[in-house]
PDB file of N, CA and C in Angstrom:
ATOM      1  N   MET A   1      92.385 121.435 130.053  1.00  0.00           N
ATOM      2  CA  MET A   1      93.729 121.618 130.561  1.00  0.00           C
ATOM      3  C   MET A   1      93.852 123.041 131.099  1.00  0.00           C
ATOM      4  N   LEU A   2      94.264 123.149 132.329  1.00  0.00           N
ATOM      5  CA  LEU A   2      94.452 124.440 132.986  1.00  0.00           C
ATOM      6  C   LEU A   2      95.896 124.563 133.449  1.00  0.00           C
ATOM      7  N   ALA A   3      96.510 125.696 133.168  1.00  0.00           N
ATOM      8  CA  ALA A   3      97.847 125.970 133.688  1.00  0.00           C
ATOM      9  C   ALA A   3      97.702 126.492 135.107  1.00  0.00           C
ATOM     10  N   ASP A   4      98.615 126.069 135.972  1.00  0.00           N
ATOM     11  CA  ASP A   4      98.579 126.496 137.358  1.00  0.00           C
ATOM     12  C   ASP A   4      99.969 126.945 137.781  1.00  0.00           C
ATOM     13  N   VAL A   5     100.069 127.471 138.984  1.00  0.00           N
ATOM     14  CA  VAL A   5     101.328 127.946 139.528  1.00  0.00           C
ATOM     15  C   VAL A   5     102.287 126.757 139.624  1.00  0.00           C
ATOM     16  N   PRO A   6     103.557 126.930 139.222  1.00  0.00           N
ATOM     17  CA  PRO A   6     104.479 125.787 139.227  1.00  0.00           C
ATOM     18  C   PRO A   6     104.800 125.298 140.631  1.00  0.00           C
ATOM     19  N   LEU A   7     105.164 124.039 140.690  1.00  0.00           N
ATOM     20  CA  LEU A   7     105.576 123.400 141.932  1.00  0.00           C
ATOM     21  C   LEU A   7     107.090 123.279 141.890  1.00  0.00           C
ATOM     22  N   GLY A   8     107.768 124.221 142.532  1.00  0.00           N
ATOM     23  CA  GLY A   8     109.224 124.270 142.431  1.00  0.00           C
ATOM     24  C   GLY A   8     109.627 124.703 141.036  1.00  0.00           C
ATOM     25  N   VAL A   9     110.375 123.869 140.353  1.00  0.00           N
ATOM     26  CA  VAL A   9     110.793 124.173 138.985  1.00  0.00           C
ATOM     27  C   VAL A   9     109.952 123.428 137.962  1.00  0.00           C
ATOM     28  N   PHE A  10     108.959 122.677 138.404  1.00  0.00           N
ATOM     29  CA  PHE A  10     108.135 121.885 137.506  1.00  0.00           C
ATOM     30  C   PHE A  10     106.819 122.604 137.209  1.00  0.00           C
ATOM     31  N   GLY A  11     106.483 122.693 135.952  1.00  0.00           N
ATOM     32  CA  GLY A  11     105.210 123.291 135.559  1.00  0.00           C
ATOM     33  C   GLY A  11     104.051 122.378 135.915  1.00  0.00           C
ATOM     34  N   VAL A  12     102.921 122.966 136.208  1.00  0.00           N
ATOM     35  CA  VAL A  12     101.742 122.204 136.613  1.00  0.00           C
ATOM     36  C   VAL A  12     100.619 122.480 135.629  1.00  0.00           C
ATOM     37  N   CYS A  13     100.035 121.416 135.099  1.00  0.00           N
ATOM     38  CA  CYS A  13      98.835 121.510 134.266  1.00  0.00           C
ATOM     39  C   CYS A  13      97.767 120.634 134.893  1.00  0.00           C
ATOM     40  N   LEU A  14      96.605 121.192 135.079  1.00  0.00           N
ATOM     41  CA  LEU A  14      95.494 120.437 135.650  1.00  0.00           C
ATOM     42  C   LEU A  14      94.624 119.911 134.519  1.00  0.00           C
ATOM     43  N   ARG A  15      94.346 118.645 134.562  1.00  0.00           N
ATOM     44  CA  ARG A  15      93.420 118.057 133.593  1.00  0.00           C
ATOM     45  C   ARG A  15      92.092 117.886 134.310  1.00  0.00           C
ATOM     46  N   VAL A  16      91.109 118.661 133.910  1.00  0.00           N
ATOM     47  CA  VAL A  16      89.817 118.699 134.583  1.00  0.00           C
ATOM     48  C   VAL A  16      88.805 117.906 133.772  1.00  0.00           C
ATOM     49  N   HIS A  17      88.130 117.012 134.452  1.00  0.00           N
ATOM     50  CA  HIS A  17      87.051 116.253 133.815  1.00  0.00           C
ATOM     51  C   HIS A  17      85.724 116.806 134.331  1.00  0.00           C
ATOM     52  N   ALA A  18      84.944 117.371 133.436  1.00  0.00           N
ATOM     53  CA  ALA A  18      83.644 117.929 133.806  1.00  0.00           C
ATOM     54  C   ALA A  18      82.547 117.081 133.170  1.00  0.00           C
ATOM     55  N   ARG A  19      81.422 117.034 133.842  1.00  0.00           N
ATOM     56  CA  ARG A  19      80.304 116.257 133.309  1.00  0.00           C
ATOM     57  C   ARG A  19      79.707 116.935 132.090  1.00  0.00           C
ATOM     58  N   ARG A  20      79.179 116.146 131.188  1.00  0.00           N
ATOM     59  CA  ARG A  20      78.545 116.643 129.976  1.00  0.00           C
ATOM     60  C   ARG A  20      77.069 116.267 130.016  1.00  0.00           C
ATOM     61  N   TYR A  21      76.228 117.247 129.735  1.00  0.00           N
ATOM     62  CA  TYR A  21      74.788 117.037 129.747  1.00  0.00           C
ATOM     63  C   TYR A  21      74.240 117.202 128.331  1.00  0.00           C
ATOM     64  N   ARG A  22      73.222 116.451 128.021  1.00  0.00           N
ATOM     65  CA  ARG A  22      72.558 116.561 126.719  1.00  0.00           C
ATOM     66  C   ARG A  22      71.160 117.135 126.928  1.00  0.00           C
ATOM     67  N   CYS A  23      70.778 118.018 126.010  1.00  0.00           N
ATOM     68  CA  CYS A  23      69.461 118.636 126.090  1.00  0.00           C
ATOM     69  C   CYS A  23      68.445 117.739 125.395  1.00  0.00           C
ATOM     70  N   PRO A  24      67.376 117.344 126.086  1.00  0.00           N
ATOM     71  CA  PRO A  24      66.385 116.467 125.451  1.00  0.00           C
ATOM     72  C   PRO A  24      65.469 117.213 124.469  1.00  0.00           C
ATOM     73  N   ASN A  25      65.464 118.537 124.516  1.00  0.00           N
ATOM     74  CA  ASN A  25      64.612 119.333 123.643  1.00  0.00           C
ATOM     75  C   ASN A  25      65.230 119.370 122.241  1.00  0.00           C
ATOM     76  N   ALA A  26      64.499 118.909 121.232  1.00  0.00           N
ATOM     77  CA  ALA A  26      65.026 118.860 119.857  1.00  0.00           C
ATOM     78  C   ALA A  26      65.165 120.255 119.259  1.00  0.00           C
ATOM     79  N   GLY A  27      64.402 121.231 119.740  1.00  0.00           N
ATOM     80  CA  GLY A  27      64.468 122.589 119.205  1.00  0.00           C
ATOM     81  C   GLY A  27      65.544 123.451 119.832  1.00  0.00           C
ATOM     82  N   CYS A  28      66.268 122.916 120.792  1.00  0.00           N
ATOM     83  CA  CYS A  28      67.310 123.683 121.471  1.00  0.00           C
ATOM     84  C   CYS A  28      68.527 123.843 120.554  1.00  0.00           C
ATOM     85  N   PRO A  29      69.052 125.072 120.399  1.00  0.00           N
ATOM     86  CA  PRO A  29      70.205 125.248 119.514  1.00  0.00           C
ATOM     87  C   PRO A  29      71.483 124.611 120.070  1.00  0.00           C
ATOM     88  N   ARG A  30      71.575 124.496 121.374  1.00  0.00           N
ATOM     89  CA  ARG A  30      72.741 123.824 121.974  1.00  0.00           C
ATOM     90  C   ARG A  30      72.326 122.429 122.389  1.00  0.00           C
ATOM     91  N   GLN A  31      72.971 121.452 121.839  1.00  0.00           N
ATOM     92  CA  GLN A  31      72.608 120.068 122.130  1.00  0.00           C
ATOM     93  C   GLN A  31      73.306 119.540 123.381  1.00  0.00           C
ATOM     94  N   THR A  32      74.523 120.014 123.644  1.00  0.00           N
ATOM     95  CA  THR A  32      75.252 119.531 124.806  1.00  0.00           C
ATOM     96  C   THR A  32      75.689 120.705 125.681  1.00  0.00           C
ATOM     97  N   PHE A  33      75.831 120.427 126.956  1.00  0.00           N
ATOM     98  CA  PHE A  33      76.262 121.424 127.936  1.00  0.00           C
ATOM     99  C   PHE A  33      77.350 120.809 128.791  1.00  0.00           C
ATOM    100  N   ARG A  34      78.298 121.613 129.209  1.00  0.00           N
ATOM    101  CA  ARG A  34      79.350 121.174 130.123  1.00  0.00           C
ATOM    102  C   ARG A  34      79.090 121.740 131.507  1.00  0.00           C
ATOM    103  N   GLU A  35      79.533 121.016 132.499  1.00  0.00           N
ATOM    104  CA  GLU A  35      79.431 121.476 133.878  1.00  0.00           C
ATOM    105  C   GLU A  35      80.374 122.659 134.075  1.00  0.00           C
ATOM    106  N   ARG A  36      79.893 123.705 134.711  1.00  0.00           N
ATOM    107  CA  ARG A  36      80.702 124.891 134.995  1.00  0.00           C
ATOM    108  C   ARG A  36      81.428 124.695 136.316  1.00  0.00           C
ATOM    109  N   LEU A  37      82.689 125.102 136.350  1.00  0.00           N
ATOM    110  CA  LEU A  37      83.498 125.002 137.562  1.00  0.00           C
ATOM    111  C   LEU A  37      84.111 126.367 137.862  1.00  0.00           C
ATOM    112  N   PRO A  38      83.317 127.338 138.339  1.00  0.00           N
ATOM    113  CA  PRO A  38      83.840 128.695 138.533  1.00  0.00           C
ATOM    114  C   PRO A  38      84.882 128.801 139.637  1.00  0.00           C
ATOM    115  N   ASP A  39      84.888 127.862 140.599  1.00  0.00           N
ATOM    116  CA  ASP A  39      85.892 127.925 141.665  1.00  0.00           C
ATOM    117  C   ASP A  39      87.271 127.509 141.153  1.00  0.00           C
ATOM    118  N   VAL A  40      87.311 126.621 140.193  1.00  0.00           N
ATOM    119  CA  VAL A  40      88.582 126.155 139.640  1.00  0.00           C
ATOM    120  C   VAL A  40      89.081 127.132 138.597  1.00  0.00           C
ATOM    121  N   ALA A  41      88.225 127.496 137.648  1.00  0.00           N
ATOM    122  CA  ALA A  41      88.585 128.454 136.599  1.00  0.00           C
ATOM    123  C   ALA A  41      87.314 129.048 136.017  1.00  0.00           C
ATOM    124  N   PRO A  42      87.322 130.341 135.722  1.00  0.00           N
ATOM    125  CA  PRO A  42      86.169 130.945 135.067  1.00  0.00           C
ATOM    126  C   PRO A  42      85.953 130.345 133.672  1.00  0.00           C
ATOM    127  N   CYS A  43      84.804 130.608 133.102  1.00  0.00           N
ATOM    128  CA  CYS A  43      84.461 130.032 131.801  1.00  0.00           C
ATOM    129  C   CYS A  43      85.474 130.434 130.737  1.00  0.00           C
ATOM    130  N   TYR A  44      85.841 129.479 129.914  1.00  0.00           N
ATOM    131  CA  TYR A  44      86.729 129.663 128.759  1.00  0.00           C
ATOM    132  C   TYR A  44      88.133 130.138 129.144  1.00  0.00           C
ATOM    133  N   GLN A  45      88.569 129.881 130.361  1.00  0.00           N
ATOM    134  CA  GLN A  45      89.907 130.264 130.790  1.00  0.00           C
ATOM    135  C   GLN A  45      90.827 129.056 130.739  1.00  0.00           C
ATOM    136  N   ARG A  46      92.097 129.297 130.485  1.00  0.00           N
ATOM    137  CA  ARG A  46      93.089 128.229 130.460  1.00  0.00           C
ATOM    138  C   ARG A  46      94.093 128.371 131.593  1.00  0.00           C
ATOM    139  N   GLN A  47      93.784 129.250 132.545  1.00  0.00           N
ATOM    140  CA  GLN A  47      94.655 129.477 133.692  1.00  0.00           C
ATOM    141  C   GLN A  47      93.802 129.547 134.943  1.00  0.00           C
ATOM    142  N   THR A  48      94.386 129.111 136.047  1.00  0.00           N
ATOM    143  CA  THR A  48      93.677 129.233 137.317  1.00  0.00           C
ATOM    144  C   THR A  48      93.707 130.691 137.764  1.00  0.00           C
ATOM    145  N   PRO A  49      92.769 131.107 138.609  1.00  0.00           N
ATOM    146  CA  PRO A  49      92.766 132.499 139.075  1.00  0.00           C
ATOM    147  C   PRO A  49      94.035 132.897 139.807  1.00  0.00           C
ATOM    148  N   VAL A  50      94.670 131.971 140.528  1.00  0.00           N
ATOM    149  CA  VAL A  50      95.908 132.288 141.245  1.00  0.00           C
ATOM    150  C   VAL A  50      97.025 132.614 140.253  1.00  0.00           C
ATOM    151  N   LEU A  51      97.149 131.820 139.198  1.00  0.00           N
ATOM    152  CA  LEU A  51      98.169 132.080 138.188  1.00  0.00           C
ATOM    153  C   LEU A  51      97.899 133.400 137.477  1.00  0.00           C
ATOM    154  N   ARG A  52      96.645 133.678 137.177  1.00  0.00           N
ATOM    155  CA  ARG A  52      96.312 134.930 136.505  1.00  0.00           C
ATOM    156  C   ARG A  52      96.670 136.135 137.373  1.00  0.00           C
ATOM    157  N   GLN A  53      96.439 136.050 138.678  1.00  0.00           N
ATOM    158  CA  GLN A  53      96.800 137.147 139.574  1.00  0.00           C
ATOM    159  C   GLN A  53      98.300 137.383 139.586  1.00  0.00           C
ATOM    160  N   ARG A  54      99.072 136.309 139.575  1.00  0.00           N
ATOM    161  CA  ARG A  54     100.532 136.463 139.564  1.00  0.00           C
ATOM    162  C   ARG A  54     101.012 137.039 138.241  1.00  0.00           C
ATOM    163  N   LEU A  55     100.419 136.603 137.146  1.00  0.00           N
ATOM    164  CA  LEU A  55     100.804 137.150 135.846  1.00  0.00           C
ATOM    165  C   LEU A  55     100.455 138.634 135.754  1.00  0.00           C
ATOM    166  N   GLU A  56      99.282 139.010 136.284  1.00  0.00           N
ATOM    167  CA  GLU A  56      98.900 140.425 136.278  1.00  0.00           C
ATOM    168  C   GLU A  56      99.841 141.261 137.145  1.00  0.00           C
ATOM    169  N   ALA A  57     100.276 140.723 138.274  1.00  0.00           N
ATOM    170  CA  ALA A  57     101.197 141.459 139.142  1.00  0.00           C
ATOM    171  C   ALA A  57     102.517 141.711 138.419  1.00  0.00           C
ATOM    172  N   VAL A  58     103.037 140.706 137.730  1.00  0.00           N
ATOM    173  CA  VAL A  58     104.284 140.881 136.973  1.00  0.00           C
ATOM    174  C   VAL A  58     104.056 141.837 135.810  1.00  0.00           C
ATOM    175  N   ALA A  59     102.913 141.724 135.152  1.00  0.00           N
ATOM    176  CA  ALA A  59     102.623 142.591 134.008  1.00  0.00           C
ATOM    177  C   ALA A  59     102.541 144.049 134.429  1.00  0.00           C
ATOM    178  N   PHE A  60     101.892 144.340 135.549  1.00  0.00           N
ATOM    179  CA  PHE A  60     101.784 145.722 136.006  1.00  0.00           C
ATOM    180  C   PHE A  60     103.117 146.256 136.514  1.00  0.00           C
ATOM    181  N   ALA A  61     103.949 145.387 137.085  1.00  0.00           N
ATOM    182  CA  ALA A  61     105.232 145.837 137.608  1.00  0.00           C
ATOM    183  C   ALA A  61     106.245 146.099 136.502  1.00  0.00           C
ATOM    184  N   LEU A  62     106.325 145.212 135.523  1.00  0.00           N
ATOM    185  CA  LEU A  62     107.387 145.316 134.528  1.00  0.00           C
ATOM    186  C   LEU A  62     106.900 145.479 133.095  1.00  0.00           C
ATOM    187  N   GLY A  63     105.759 144.930 132.769  1.00  0.00           N
ATOM    188  CA  GLY A  63     105.265 145.051 131.403  1.00  0.00           C
ATOM    189  C   GLY A  63     105.808 143.975 130.485  1.00  0.00           C
ATOM    190  N   GLY A  64     105.965 144.296 129.207  1.00  0.00           N
ATOM    191  CA  GLY A  64     106.254 143.370 128.123  1.00  0.00           C
ATOM    192  C   GLY A  64     107.458 142.472 128.262  1.00  0.00           C
ATOM    193  N   GLN A  65     108.566 142.836 127.634  1.00  0.00           N
ATOM    194  CA  GLN A  65     109.720 141.956 127.542  1.00  0.00           C
ATOM    195  C   GLN A  65     110.391 141.733 128.895  1.00  0.00           C
ATOM    196  N   ALA A  66     110.485 142.754 129.726  1.00  0.00           N
ATOM    197  CA  ALA A  66     111.076 142.584 131.056  1.00  0.00           C
ATOM    198  C   ALA A  66     110.236 141.638 131.910  1.00  0.00           C
ATOM    199  N   GLY A  67     108.929 141.735 131.797  1.00  0.00           N
ATOM    200  CA  GLY A  67     108.045 140.824 132.515  1.00  0.00           C
ATOM    201  C   GLY A  67     108.217 139.395 132.041  1.00  0.00           C
ATOM    202  N   ARG A  68     108.413 139.221 130.739  1.00  0.00           N
ATOM    203  CA  ARG A  68     108.639 137.887 130.179  1.00  0.00           C
ATOM    204  C   ARG A  68     109.927 137.278 130.731  1.00  0.00           C
ATOM    205  N   ARG A  69     110.988 138.077 130.850  1.00  0.00           N
ATOM    206  CA  ARG A  69     112.246 137.570 131.410  1.00  0.00           C
ATOM    207  C   ARG A  69     112.082 137.178 132.871  1.00  0.00           C
ATOM    208  N   LEU A  70     111.316 137.956 133.642  1.00  0.00           N
ATOM    209  CA  LEU A  70     111.082 137.611 135.043  1.00  0.00           C
ATOM    210  C   LEU A  70     110.261 136.334 135.155  1.00  0.00           C
ATOM    211  N   LEU A  71     109.271 136.166 134.297  1.00  0.00           N
ATOM    212  CA  LEU A  71     108.466 134.947 134.321  1.00  0.00           C
ATOM    213  C   LEU A  71     109.316 133.724 134.011  1.00  0.00           C
ATOM    214  N   CYS A  72     110.277 133.864 133.111  1.00  0.00           N
ATOM    215  CA  CYS A  72     111.186 132.749 132.827  1.00  0.00           C
ATOM    216  C   CYS A  72     112.029 132.424 134.057  1.00  0.00           C
ATOM    217  N   ALA A  73     112.485 133.445 134.779  1.00  0.00           N
ATOM    218  CA  ALA A  73     113.279 133.217 135.983  1.00  0.00           C
ATOM    219  C   ALA A  73     112.449 132.581 137.095  1.00  0.00           C
ATOM    220  N   LEU A  74     111.157 132.881 137.133  1.00  0.00           N
ATOM    221  CA  LEU A  74     110.265 132.321 138.151  1.00  0.00           C
ATOM    222  C   LEU A  74     109.649 130.993 137.730  1.00  0.00           C
ATOM    223  N   HIS A  75     110.021 130.492 136.559  1.00  0.00           N
ATOM    224  CA  HIS A  75     109.507 129.237 135.999  1.00  0.00           C
ATOM    225  C   HIS A  75     108.009 129.301 135.730  1.00  0.00           C
ATOM    226  N   LEU A  76     107.530 130.470 135.357  1.00  0.00           N
ATOM    227  CA  LEU A  76     106.130 130.629 134.977  1.00  0.00           C
ATOM    228  C   LEU A  76     105.963 130.690 133.461  1.00  0.00           C
ATOM    229  N   GLU A  77     107.011 130.416 132.699  1.00  0.00           N
ATOM    230  CA  GLU A  77     106.905 130.514 131.244  1.00  0.00           C
ATOM    231  C   GLU A  77     106.094 129.370 130.652  1.00  0.00           C
ATOM    232  N   THR A  78     105.853 128.307 131.422  1.00  0.00           N
ATOM    233  CA  THR A  78     105.060 127.197 130.903  1.00  0.00           C
ATOM    234  C   THR A  78     103.597 127.574 130.754  1.00  0.00           C
ATOM    235  N   ALA A  79     103.206 128.703 131.297  1.00  0.00           N
ATOM    236  CA  ALA A  79     101.817 129.149 131.195  1.00  0.00           C
ATOM    237  C   ALA A  79     101.507 129.712 129.817  1.00  0.00           C
ATOM    238  N   GLY A  80     102.492 129.737 128.918  1.00  0.00           N
ATOM    239  CA  GLY A  80     102.260 130.227 127.564  1.00  0.00           C
ATOM    240  C   GLY A  80     102.145 131.727 127.504  1.00  0.00           C
ATOM    241  N   THR A  81     102.961 132.428 128.282  1.00  0.00           N
ATOM    242  CA  THR A  81     102.859 133.876 128.325  1.00  0.00           C
ATOM    243  C   THR A  81     103.966 134.498 127.485  1.00  0.00           C
ATOM    244  N   SER A  82     103.581 135.384 126.631  1.00  0.00           N
ATOM    245  CA  SER A  82     104.530 136.153 125.844  1.00  0.00           C
ATOM    246  C   SER A  82     104.442 137.606 126.300  1.00  0.00           C
ATOM    247  N   ARG A  83     105.265 138.457 125.719  1.00  0.00           N
ATOM    248  CA  ARG A  83     105.215 139.871 126.083  1.00  0.00           C
ATOM    249  C   ARG A  83     103.879 140.471 125.683  1.00  0.00           C
ATOM    250  N   ASN A  84     103.326 140.009 124.565  1.00  0.00           N
ATOM    251  CA  ASN A  84     102.020 140.508 124.125  1.00  0.00           C
ATOM    252  C   ASN A  84     100.903 140.072 125.066  1.00  0.00           C
ATOM    253  N   THR A  85     101.020 138.874 125.621  1.00  0.00           N
ATOM    254  CA  THR A  85     100.023 138.407 126.579  1.00  0.00           C
ATOM    255  C   THR A  85     100.031 139.271 127.827  1.00  0.00           C
ATOM    256  N   LEU A  86     101.223 139.644 128.292  1.00  0.00           N
ATOM    257  CA  LEU A  86     101.305 140.500 129.481  1.00  0.00           C
ATOM    258  C   LEU A  86     100.686 141.866 129.216  1.00  0.00           C
ATOM    259  N   LEU A  87     100.957 142.424 128.045  1.00  0.00           N
ATOM    260  CA  LEU A  87     100.353 143.717 127.706  1.00  0.00           C
ATOM    261  C   LEU A  87      98.843 143.603 127.563  1.00  0.00           C
ATOM    262  N   ARG A  88      98.371 142.474 127.058  1.00  0.00           N
ATOM    263  CA  ARG A  88      96.927 142.248 126.933  1.00  0.00           C
ATOM    264  C   ARG A  88      96.271 142.153 128.310  1.00  0.00           C
ATOM    265  N   LEU A  89      96.955 141.537 129.267  1.00  0.00           N
ATOM    266  CA  LEU A  89      96.430 141.473 130.636  1.00  0.00           C
ATOM    267  C   LEU A  89      96.272 142.861 131.237  1.00  0.00           C
ATOM    268  N   ILE A  90      97.239 143.737 130.963  1.00  0.00           N
ATOM    269  CA  ILE A  90      97.151 145.111 131.478  1.00  0.00           C
ATOM    270  C   ILE A  90      95.970 145.830 130.854  1.00  0.00           C
ATOM    271  N   ARG A  91      95.825 145.723 129.535  1.00  0.00           N
ATOM    272  CA  ARG A  91      94.702 146.405 128.856  1.00  0.00           C
ATOM    273  C   ARG A  91      93.363 145.887 129.343  1.00  0.00           C
ATOM    274  N   ARG A  92      93.252 144.583 129.539  1.00  0.00           N
ATOM    275  CA  ARG A  92      91.985 144.006 129.990  1.00  0.00           C
ATOM    276  C   ARG A  92      91.654 144.459 131.402  1.00  0.00           C
ATOM    277  N   ALA A  93      92.646 144.534 132.276  1.00  0.00           N
ATOM    278  CA  ALA A  93      92.406 144.962 133.659  1.00  0.00           C
ATOM    279  C   ALA A  93      92.034 146.434 133.705  1.00  0.00           C
ATOM    280  N   VAL A  94      92.667 147.266 132.894  1.00  0.00           N
ATOM    281  CA  VAL A  94      92.359 148.698 132.875  1.00  0.00           C
ATOM    282  C   VAL A  94      90.973 148.935 132.320  1.00  0.00           C
ATOM    283  N   SER A  95      90.591 148.231 131.265  1.00  0.00           N
ATOM    284  CA  SER A  95      89.266 148.443 130.674  1.00  0.00           C
ATOM    285  C   SER A  95      88.169 147.937 131.602  1.00  0.00           C
ATOM    286  N   SER A  96      88.401 146.834 132.312  1.00  0.00           N
ATOM    287  CA  SER A  96      87.370 146.344 133.230  1.00  0.00           C
ATOM    288  C   SER A  96      87.219 147.259 134.435  1.00  0.00           C
ATOM    289  N   SER A  97      88.317 147.873 134.905  1.00  0.00           N
ATOM    290  CA  SER A  97      88.194 148.805 136.019  1.00  0.00           C
ATOM    291  C   SER A  97      87.526 150.105 135.576  1.00  0.00           C
ATOM    292  N   ALA A  98      87.736 150.506 134.321  1.00  0.00           N
ATOM    293  CA  ALA A  98      87.079 151.709 133.808  1.00  0.00           C
ATOM    294  C   ALA A  98      85.577 151.483 133.675  1.00  0.00           C
ATOM    295  N   GLU A  99      85.170 150.267 133.275  1.00  0.00           N
ATOM    296  CA  GLU A  99      83.746 149.960 133.162  1.00  0.00           C
ATOM    297  C   GLU A  99      83.098 149.863 134.536  1.00  0.00           C
ATOM    298  N   ALA A 100      83.862 149.453 135.551  1.00  0.00           N
ATOM    299  CA  ALA A 100      83.303 149.274 136.888  1.00  0.00           C
ATOM    300  C   ALA A 100      82.992 150.605 137.552  1.00  0.00           C
ATOM    301  N   SER A 101      83.736 151.656 137.215  1.00  0.00           N
ATOM    302  CA  SER A 101      83.490 152.950 137.852  1.00  0.00           C
ATOM    303  C   SER A 101      82.495 153.740 137.012  1.00  0.00           C
ATOM    304  N   ASP A 102      81.282 153.854 137.522  1.00  0.00           N
ATOM    305  CA  ASP A 102      80.222 154.587 136.838  1.00  0.00           C
ATOM    306  C   ASP A 102      79.974 155.938 137.495  1.00  0.00           C
ATOM    307  N   ALA A 103      80.939 156.435 138.255  1.00  0.00           N
ATOM    308  CA  ALA A 103      80.762 157.706 138.942  1.00  0.00           C
ATOM    309  C   ALA A 103      80.764 158.853 137.927  1.00  0.00           C
ATOM    310  N   PRO A 104      79.893 159.844 138.124  1.00  0.00           N
ATOM    311  CA  PRO A 104      79.866 160.969 137.184  1.00  0.00           C
ATOM    312  C   PRO A 104      81.128 161.820 137.313  1.00  0.00           C
ATOM    313  N   VAL A 105      81.499 162.466 136.235  1.00  0.00           N
ATOM    314  CA  VAL A 105      82.683 163.315 136.219  1.00  0.00           C
ATOM    315  C   VAL A 105      82.299 164.692 136.745  1.00  0.00           C
ATOM    316  N   HIS A 106      83.007 165.165 137.786  1.00  0.00           N
ATOM    317  CA  HIS A 106      82.722 166.470 138.369  1.00  0.00           C
ATOM    318  C   HIS A 106      83.617 167.559 137.791  1.00  0.00           C
ATOM    319  N   VAL A 107      84.886 167.239 137.582  1.00  0.00           N
ATOM    320  CA  VAL A 107      85.839 168.213 137.064  1.00  0.00           C
ATOM    321  C   VAL A 107      86.547 167.594 135.879  1.00  0.00           C
ATOM    322  N   LEU A 108      86.603 168.341 134.785  1.00  0.00           N
ATOM    323  CA  LEU A 108      87.274 167.860 133.585  1.00  0.00           C
ATOM    324  C   LEU A 108      88.258 168.921 133.145  1.00  0.00           C
ATOM    325  N   GLY A 109      89.524 168.544 133.066  1.00  0.00           N
ATOM    326  CA  GLY A 109      90.555 169.469 132.616  1.00  0.00           C
ATOM    327  C   GLY A 109      90.889 169.225 131.160  1.00  0.00           C
ATOM    328  N   VAL A 110      91.000 170.306 130.389  1.00  0.00           N
ATOM    329  CA  VAL A 110      91.315 170.207 128.968  1.00  0.00           C
ATOM    330  C   VAL A 110      92.581 171.007 128.713  1.00  0.00           C
ATOM    331  N   ASP A 111      93.564 170.389 128.088  1.00  0.00           N
ATOM    332  CA  ASP A 111      94.794 171.091 127.734  1.00  0.00           C
ATOM    333  C   ASP A 111      94.567 171.833 126.434  1.00  0.00           C
ATOM    334  N   ASP A 112      94.939 173.088 126.419  1.00  0.00           N
ATOM    335  CA  ASP A 112      94.788 173.906 125.224  1.00  0.00           C
ATOM    336  C   ASP A 112      96.111 173.900 124.476  1.00  0.00           C
ATOM    337  N   PHE A 113      96.070 173.541 123.222  1.00  0.00           N
ATOM    338  CA  PHE A 113      97.276 173.573 122.418  1.00  0.00           C
ATOM    339  C   PHE A 113      96.898 173.947 120.988  1.00  0.00           C
ATOM    340  N   ALA A 114      97.895 174.330 120.230  1.00  0.00           N
ATOM    341  CA  ALA A 114      97.677 174.686 118.835  1.00  0.00           C
ATOM    342  C   ALA A 114      98.799 174.107 118.007  1.00  0.00           C
ATOM    343  N   PHE A 115      98.452 173.649 116.789  1.00  0.00           N
ATOM    344  CA  PHE A 115      99.470 173.109 115.906  1.00  0.00           C
ATOM    345  C   PHE A 115     100.361 174.219 115.313  1.00  0.00           C
ATOM    346  N   ARG A 116      99.804 175.400 115.189  1.00  0.00           N
ATOM    347  CA  ARG A 116     100.572 176.533 114.672  1.00  0.00           C
ATOM    348  C   ARG A 116     100.636 177.626 115.731  1.00  0.00           C
ATOM    349  N   ARG A 117     101.709 178.374 115.706  1.00  0.00           N
ATOM    350  CA  ARG A 117     101.845 179.485 116.639  1.00  0.00           C
ATOM    351  C   ARG A 117     100.836 180.561 116.290  1.00  0.00           C
ATOM    352  N   GLY A 118     100.135 181.072 117.302  1.00  0.00           N
ATOM    353  CA  GLY A 118      99.142 182.101 117.080  1.00  0.00           C
ATOM    354  C   GLY A 118      97.738 181.557 116.905  1.00  0.00           C
ATOM    355  N   SER A 119      97.590 180.259 116.663  1.00  0.00           N
ATOM    356  CA  SER A 119      96.248 179.667 116.505  1.00  0.00           C
ATOM    357  C   SER A 119      95.709 179.303 117.878  1.00  0.00           C
ATOM    358  N   HIS A 120      94.393 179.400 118.003  1.00  0.00           N
ATOM    359  CA  HIS A 120      93.775 179.076 119.285  1.00  0.00           C
ATOM    360  C   HIS A 120      92.916 177.841 119.105  1.00  0.00           C
TER     361      HIS A 120
END
């Protein structure tokens, strides 16, 4: 079951039937395999990529509770999104973009502060 962008005011869930394969090798730790459908949804996802992009756009624009209220107004609440889910989308996008940039650091600024006056 995949959640998708709503059609008007009606929520859309896609029921995907994928082929199942069995491994003939008795020593294989995985006995069955499912067909991968990366164009429809990435592995282990419950949302289509289009819906995820829209949720991320709302999450980056408004964040937690305000984003949840906007999703309810846009009829996207059927996707099972809470304020925590929106914040999780932001954290996941920021961490993946940080991992993608492997450029070396040329300039690093450090703020100098002290907990007590006179301490360095």
